[in-house]
Amino acid sequence: MPDFHRTLINDGQIQEYWFSVLWEHPFGNSCLDFFKALTMHYGLSTADASYFSKHHEADTMDHLDRKSHGAVTQTVLARLLQEGVNERPGYSAEYCAVTPADLNKLFMDGCYNATH
C-alpha cells in the first residue's frame, strides 16, 4: 500500500490521494475490534496492542485538539467534490478509494493464510 500512496502523491492529483484515504474511518473501527480481540482472547497487553488502539483513536475520534483522520478526509473530499473532480484515465475516484481496501484485504488474507 505504501507504493500505491507514493505513486498517487508523487505522480497523481491531490484528489486521488484523498480518495485513497477514504477508508481511514472504517479502518479505525476495525482497529478497535483487533485491539479487543488481541487483548481479550490472545493475551496481549494494552501496550502490546497499542498500534490498534492508537489508530482507532486517530481515525475515529477528535484528538490532540484536532479532528479525526476520518473527519478531515470527509471535509476535504466534500470541498473537492464541490469544486469538481477531473479524473485521469485509470485513476477514477472509485479506483483510488477501493484499491487501498483491496490491498488491506490481501494483507489480512496473507496473515490468516500464514497462521492457519
Protein backbone atom coordinates (compact mmCIF):
# COMPACT_ATOMS: atom_id res chain seq x y z
CA MET A 1 0.00 0.00 0.00
CA PRO A 2 2.82 2.49 0.62
CA ASP A 3 3.81 2.21 -3.06
CA PHE A 4 0.25 2.93 -4.13
CA HIS A 5 0.08 6.06 -1.96
CA ARG A 6 3.57 7.15 -3.01
CA THR A 7 2.51 6.93 -6.65
CA LEU A 8 -0.61 8.99 -6.00
CA ILE A 9 1.28 11.64 -4.06
CA ASN A 10 4.25 11.89 -6.44
CA ASP A 11 2.57 11.36 -9.79
CA GLY A 12 -1.12 11.95 -9.23
CA GLN A 13 -3.61 14.64 -8.44
CA ILE A 14 -4.30 15.63 -4.84
CA GLN A 15 -7.87 14.34 -5.06
CA GLU A 16 -6.56 10.85 -5.82
CA TYR A 17 -4.72 10.77 -2.51
CA TRP A 18 -7.77 11.98 -0.59
CA PHE A 19 -9.99 9.36 -2.22
CA SER A 20 -7.39 6.75 -1.29
CA VAL A 21 -7.65 7.55 2.43
CA LEU A 22 -11.44 7.46 2.45
CA TRP A 23 -11.22 4.12 4.26
CA GLU A 24 -9.50 5.58 7.35
CA HIS A 25 -12.64 5.87 9.46
CA PRO A 26 -13.77 2.28 8.78
CA PHE A 27 -10.19 1.08 9.34
CA GLY A 28 -10.22 2.83 12.71
CA ASN A 29 -13.37 0.95 13.67
CA SER A 30 -11.72 -2.32 12.62
CA CYS A 31 -8.71 -1.45 14.75
CA LEU A 32 -10.93 -1.36 17.83
CA ASP A 33 -12.10 -4.88 17.00
CA PHE A 34 -8.49 -6.03 16.55
CA PHE A 35 -7.47 -4.37 19.82
CA LYS A 36 -10.27 -6.05 21.75
CA ALA A 37 -9.57 -9.46 20.21
CA LEU A 38 -5.83 -9.27 20.84
CA THR A 39 -6.16 -8.13 24.45
CA MET A 40 -9.16 -10.29 25.43
CA HIS A 41 -8.51 -13.51 23.55
CA TYR A 42 -4.80 -13.61 22.69
CA GLY A 43 -3.25 -12.31 25.89
CA LEU A 44 -1.58 -9.20 24.53
CA SER A 45 -1.23 -6.30 26.90
CA THR A 46 -2.76 -2.95 26.04
CA ALA A 47 0.78 -1.70 25.38
CA ASP A 48 1.48 -4.60 23.01
CA ALA A 49 -1.71 -3.85 21.06
CA SER A 50 -1.38 -0.07 21.23
CA TYR A 51 -0.96 0.24 17.44
CA PHE A 52 -4.63 -0.69 17.12
CA SER A 53 -5.93 1.48 19.96
CA LYS A 54 -3.97 4.49 18.67
CA HIS A 55 -5.25 4.01 15.12
CA HIS A 56 -8.80 3.64 16.39
CA GLU A 57 -8.45 6.90 18.27
CA ALA A 58 -6.74 8.81 15.46
CA ASP A 59 -9.06 7.61 12.71
CA THR A 60 -12.40 7.89 14.51
CA MET A 61 -12.09 10.45 17.32
CA ASP A 62 -11.03 14.05 17.64
CA HIS A 63 -7.72 14.04 19.49
CA LEU A 64 -4.88 16.38 20.40
CA ASP A 65 -7.16 19.34 19.60
CA ARG A 66 -7.56 18.07 16.04
CA LYS A 67 -10.31 16.38 14.09
CA SER A 68 -10.14 12.65 13.50
CA HIS A 69 -8.48 11.49 10.30
CA GLY A 70 -11.85 10.29 9.03
CA ALA A 71 -13.45 13.69 9.67
CA VAL A 72 -10.60 15.54 7.95
CA THR A 73 -10.91 13.28 4.92
CA GLN A 74 -14.66 13.85 4.79
CA THR A 75 -14.20 17.63 4.94
CA VAL A 76 -11.52 17.68 2.24
CA LEU A 77 -13.45 15.39 -0.09
CA ALA A 78 -16.65 17.40 0.31
CA ARG A 79 -14.74 20.50 -0.76
CA LEU A 80 -13.08 18.72 -3.69
CA LEU A 81 -16.42 17.37 -4.89
CA GLN A 82 -17.99 20.83 -4.67
CA GLU A 83 -15.22 22.24 -6.83
CA GLY A 84 -15.39 19.38 -9.32
CA VAL A 85 -13.18 16.38 -9.92
CA ASN A 86 -11.18 15.79 -13.08
CA GLU A 87 -10.20 12.14 -13.19
CA ARG A 88 -7.12 10.92 -15.03
CA PRO A 89 -7.52 7.79 -17.11
CA GLY A 90 -7.10 4.72 -14.92
CA TYR A 91 -7.37 6.66 -11.66
CA SER A 92 -11.07 7.16 -11.09
CA ALA A 93 -12.33 8.20 -7.68
CA GLU A 94 -13.69 4.69 -7.21
CA TYR A 95 -10.37 3.06 -8.12
CA CYS A 96 -8.45 5.31 -5.73
CA ALA A 97 -10.94 4.66 -2.92
CA VAL A 98 -11.28 0.89 -3.36
CA THR A 99 -7.67 -0.08 -4.07
CA PRO A 100 -6.37 0.54 -0.51
CA ALA A 101 -9.20 -1.59 0.89
CA ASP A 102 -8.37 -4.33 -1.61
CA LEU A 103 -4.68 -4.18 -0.65
CA ASN A 104 -5.58 -4.34 3.04
CA LYS A 105 -7.70 -7.42 2.35
CA LEU A 106 -4.74 -9.07 0.62
CA PHE A 107 -2.60 -8.29 3.67
CA MET A 108 -5.19 -9.73 6.06
CA ASP A 109 -5.66 -12.83 3.89
CA GLY A 110 -1.88 -13.32 3.87
CA CYS A 111 -1.74 -13.10 7.66
CA TYR A 112 -4.59 -15.56 8.02
CA ASN A 113 -3.16 -18.00 5.48
CA ALA A 114 0.26 -17.89 7.15
CA THR A 115 -1.22 -18.87 10.50
CA HIS A 116 -3.85 -21.44 9.50
